[in-house]
Amino acid sequence: MSEVVFRTQGGTYKYPGGRDSFALRSPEFQICASDTIAIVGPSGGGKSTLLRIMSGSLPTKDFLFQA
């Protein structure tokens, strides 16, 4: 089994002044060193928001990340 290099647990994100719906709601996953991943989903499904949060360019206090 490979070493876990990234893990997230729970959290929600709603853009300030945005729609009433959440951009992300409780994504939970882990990425291991040997993993190849793809982030897929429909338009407006939160893919770009997730990547912005993961990269730190979209600050949030509601997510727990372990890297």
N, C-alpha and C. Protein backbone atom coordinates (compact mmCIF):
# COMPACT_ATOMS: atom_id res chain seq x y z
N MET A 1 0.85 -1.19 0.00
CA MET A 1 0.00 0.00 0.00
C MET A 1 0.89 1.25 0.00
N SER A 2 0.53 2.22 -0.82
CA SER A 2 1.31 3.45 -0.96
C SER A 2 1.02 4.44 0.16
N GLU A 3 1.96 5.34 0.35
CA GLU A 3 1.83 6.40 1.34
C GLU A 3 0.75 7.39 0.90
N VAL A 4 -0.12 7.79 1.83
CA VAL A 4 -1.13 8.81 1.56
C VAL A 4 -0.43 10.16 1.52
N VAL A 5 -0.58 10.88 0.40
CA VAL A 5 0.08 12.17 0.26
C VAL A 5 -0.90 13.34 0.37
N PHE A 6 -2.19 13.05 0.27
CA PHE A 6 -3.20 14.11 0.40
C PHE A 6 -4.51 13.47 0.84
N ARG A 7 -5.18 14.12 1.79
CA ARG A 7 -6.46 13.60 2.28
C ARG A 7 -7.34 14.79 2.65
N THR A 8 -8.61 14.68 2.38
CA THR A 8 -9.56 15.70 2.80
C THR A 8 -10.75 15.03 3.48
N GLN A 9 -11.32 15.73 4.43
CA GLN A 9 -12.48 15.21 5.14
C GLN A 9 -13.50 16.31 5.32
N GLY A 10 -14.68 16.08 4.79
CA GLY A 10 -15.81 16.96 5.01
C GLY A 10 -15.64 18.37 4.53
N GLY A 11 -16.51 19.22 4.99
CA GLY A 11 -16.49 20.62 4.64
C GLY A 11 -17.50 20.96 3.56
N THR A 12 -17.86 22.20 3.52
CA THR A 12 -18.74 22.72 2.48
C THR A 12 -18.18 24.05 2.02
N TYR A 13 -18.56 24.46 0.83
CA TYR A 13 -18.15 25.78 0.35
C TYR A 13 -19.27 26.39 -0.47
N LYS A 14 -19.57 27.63 -0.15
CA LYS A 14 -20.56 28.41 -0.90
C LYS A 14 -19.89 29.74 -1.24
N TYR A 15 -19.95 30.13 -2.52
CA TYR A 15 -19.35 31.40 -2.91
C TYR A 15 -20.10 32.56 -2.27
N PRO A 16 -19.37 33.54 -1.71
CA PRO A 16 -20.02 34.71 -1.12
C PRO A 16 -20.85 35.44 -2.18
N GLY A 17 -22.07 35.76 -1.84
CA GLY A 17 -22.96 36.47 -2.76
C GLY A 17 -23.43 35.62 -3.91
N GLY A 18 -23.14 34.33 -3.87
CA GLY A 18 -23.52 33.43 -4.96
C GLY A 18 -24.90 32.85 -4.77
N ARG A 19 -25.15 31.82 -5.53
CA ARG A 19 -26.45 31.14 -5.45
C ARG A 19 -26.66 30.55 -4.06
N ASP A 20 -27.86 30.08 -3.81
CA ASP A 20 -28.17 29.48 -2.52
C ASP A 20 -27.56 28.09 -2.37
N SER A 21 -27.21 27.45 -3.48
CA SER A 21 -26.67 26.09 -3.39
C SER A 21 -25.17 26.13 -3.09
N PHE A 22 -24.69 25.03 -2.57
CA PHE A 22 -23.27 24.90 -2.23
C PHE A 22 -22.47 24.56 -3.49
N ALA A 23 -21.27 25.13 -3.61
CA ALA A 23 -20.37 24.78 -4.70
C ALA A 23 -19.75 23.41 -4.43
N LEU A 24 -19.51 23.11 -3.16
CA LEU A 24 -19.00 21.80 -2.73
C LEU A 24 -19.67 21.41 -1.43
N ARG A 25 -19.92 20.13 -1.30
CA ARG A 25 -20.50 19.65 -0.05
C ARG A 25 -19.87 18.32 0.33
N SER A 26 -19.09 18.32 1.38
CA SER A 26 -18.51 17.14 2.03
C SER A 26 -17.73 16.20 1.12
N PRO A 27 -16.79 16.72 0.31
CA PRO A 27 -15.96 15.77 -0.44
C PRO A 27 -14.97 15.09 0.50
N GLU A 28 -14.90 13.78 0.43
CA GLU A 28 -13.96 13.03 1.25
C GLU A 28 -13.20 12.06 0.36
N PHE A 29 -11.88 12.19 0.35
CA PHE A 29 -11.06 11.30 -0.46
C PHE A 29 -9.62 11.35 0.03
N GLN A 30 -8.83 10.40 -0.45
CA GLN A 30 -7.40 10.43 -0.19
C GLN A 30 -6.68 10.08 -1.48
N ILE A 31 -5.47 10.62 -1.62
CA ILE A 31 -4.64 10.36 -2.78
C ILE A 31 -3.34 9.77 -2.28
N CYS A 32 -2.98 8.63 -2.81
CA CYS A 32 -1.72 7.97 -2.45
C CYS A 32 -0.66 8.29 -3.49
N ALA A 33 0.60 8.11 -3.11
CA ALA A 33 1.73 8.45 -3.98
C ALA A 33 1.66 7.74 -5.33
N SER A 34 1.13 6.54 -5.38
CA SER A 34 1.10 5.77 -6.63
C SER A 34 -0.19 5.99 -7.43
N ASP A 35 -1.11 6.81 -6.94
CA ASP A 35 -2.40 7.01 -7.60
C ASP A 35 -2.31 7.91 -8.82
N THR A 36 -3.14 7.60 -9.79
CA THR A 36 -3.43 8.49 -10.91
C THR A 36 -4.89 8.88 -10.73
N ILE A 37 -5.19 10.18 -10.74
CA ILE A 37 -6.55 10.60 -10.46
C ILE A 37 -7.11 11.43 -11.62
N ALA A 38 -8.43 11.52 -11.65
CA ALA A 38 -9.14 12.40 -12.57
C ALA A 38 -10.29 13.01 -11.79
N ILE A 39 -10.52 14.27 -11.99
CA ILE A 39 -11.65 14.95 -11.35
C ILE A 39 -12.65 15.24 -12.46
N VAL A 40 -13.77 14.55 -12.41
CA VAL A 40 -14.76 14.65 -13.46
C VAL A 40 -16.12 14.98 -12.87
N GLY A 41 -16.98 15.55 -13.68
CA GLY A 41 -18.33 15.86 -13.24
C GLY A 41 -18.96 16.86 -14.19
N PRO A 42 -20.23 17.15 -13.97
CA PRO A 42 -20.94 18.06 -14.86
C PRO A 42 -20.49 19.50 -14.67
N SER A 43 -20.82 20.32 -15.63
CA SER A 43 -20.55 21.76 -15.54
C SER A 43 -21.23 22.31 -14.28
N GLY A 44 -20.48 23.07 -13.50
CA GLY A 44 -21.03 23.62 -12.28
C GLY A 44 -21.00 22.66 -11.10
N GLY A 45 -20.33 21.53 -11.26
CA GLY A 45 -20.31 20.51 -10.22
C GLY A 45 -19.29 20.74 -9.11
N GLY A 46 -18.42 21.75 -9.25
CA GLY A 46 -17.48 22.08 -8.19
C GLY A 46 -16.05 21.62 -8.43
N LYS A 47 -15.75 21.14 -9.64
CA LYS A 47 -14.39 20.65 -9.93
C LYS A 47 -13.34 21.74 -9.78
N SER A 48 -13.56 22.88 -10.41
CA SER A 48 -12.60 23.99 -10.32
C SER A 48 -12.53 24.54 -8.90
N THR A 49 -13.65 24.60 -8.23
CA THR A 49 -13.66 25.07 -6.84
C THR A 49 -12.82 24.15 -5.97
N LEU A 50 -12.96 22.85 -6.15
CA LEU A 50 -12.16 21.89 -5.38
C LEU A 50 -10.67 22.11 -5.63
N LEU A 51 -10.28 22.26 -6.89
CA LEU A 51 -8.86 22.47 -7.21
C LEU A 51 -8.35 23.79 -6.65
N ARG A 52 -9.17 24.82 -6.66
CA ARG A 52 -8.75 26.11 -6.09
C ARG A 52 -8.56 25.99 -4.58
N ILE A 53 -9.44 25.27 -3.92
CA ILE A 53 -9.31 25.08 -2.48
C ILE A 53 -8.07 24.24 -2.18
N MET A 54 -7.85 23.17 -2.94
CA MET A 54 -6.69 22.30 -2.73
C MET A 54 -5.38 23.04 -2.94
N SER A 55 -5.34 23.98 -3.89
CA SER A 55 -4.11 24.71 -4.18
C SER A 55 -3.88 25.87 -3.22
N GLY A 56 -4.92 26.23 -2.45
CA GLY A 56 -4.80 27.33 -1.51
C GLY A 56 -5.15 28.68 -2.11
N SER A 57 -5.54 28.72 -3.38
CA SER A 57 -5.90 30.00 -3.99
C SER A 57 -7.31 30.44 -3.64
N LEU A 58 -8.09 29.55 -3.04
CA LEU A 58 -9.42 29.90 -2.56
C LEU A 58 -9.46 29.51 -1.08
N PRO A 59 -9.18 30.48 -0.19
CA PRO A 59 -9.08 30.15 1.24
C PRO A 59 -10.43 29.74 1.84
N THR A 60 -10.37 28.76 2.69
CA THR A 60 -11.56 28.31 3.42
C THR A 60 -11.12 27.73 4.75
N LYS A 61 -11.94 27.86 5.74
CA LYS A 61 -11.64 27.31 7.07
C LYS A 61 -12.46 26.05 7.33
N ASP A 62 -13.34 25.70 6.39
CA ASP A 62 -14.30 24.64 6.62
C ASP A 62 -13.81 23.25 6.20
N PHE A 63 -12.66 23.17 5.56
CA PHE A 63 -12.14 21.89 5.09
C PHE A 63 -10.96 21.44 5.92
N LEU A 64 -10.84 20.16 6.13
CA LEU A 64 -9.69 19.59 6.81
C LEU A 64 -8.85 18.88 5.77
N PHE A 65 -7.66 19.41 5.51
CA PHE A 65 -6.73 18.82 4.56
C PHE A 65 -5.51 18.31 5.29
N GLN A 66 -5.03 17.18 4.87
CA GLN A 66 -3.77 16.64 5.39
C GLN A 66 -2.89 16.36 4.19
N ALA A 67 -1.73 16.94 4.15
CA ALA A 67 -0.81 16.69 3.04
C ALA A 67 0.50 16.18 3.56
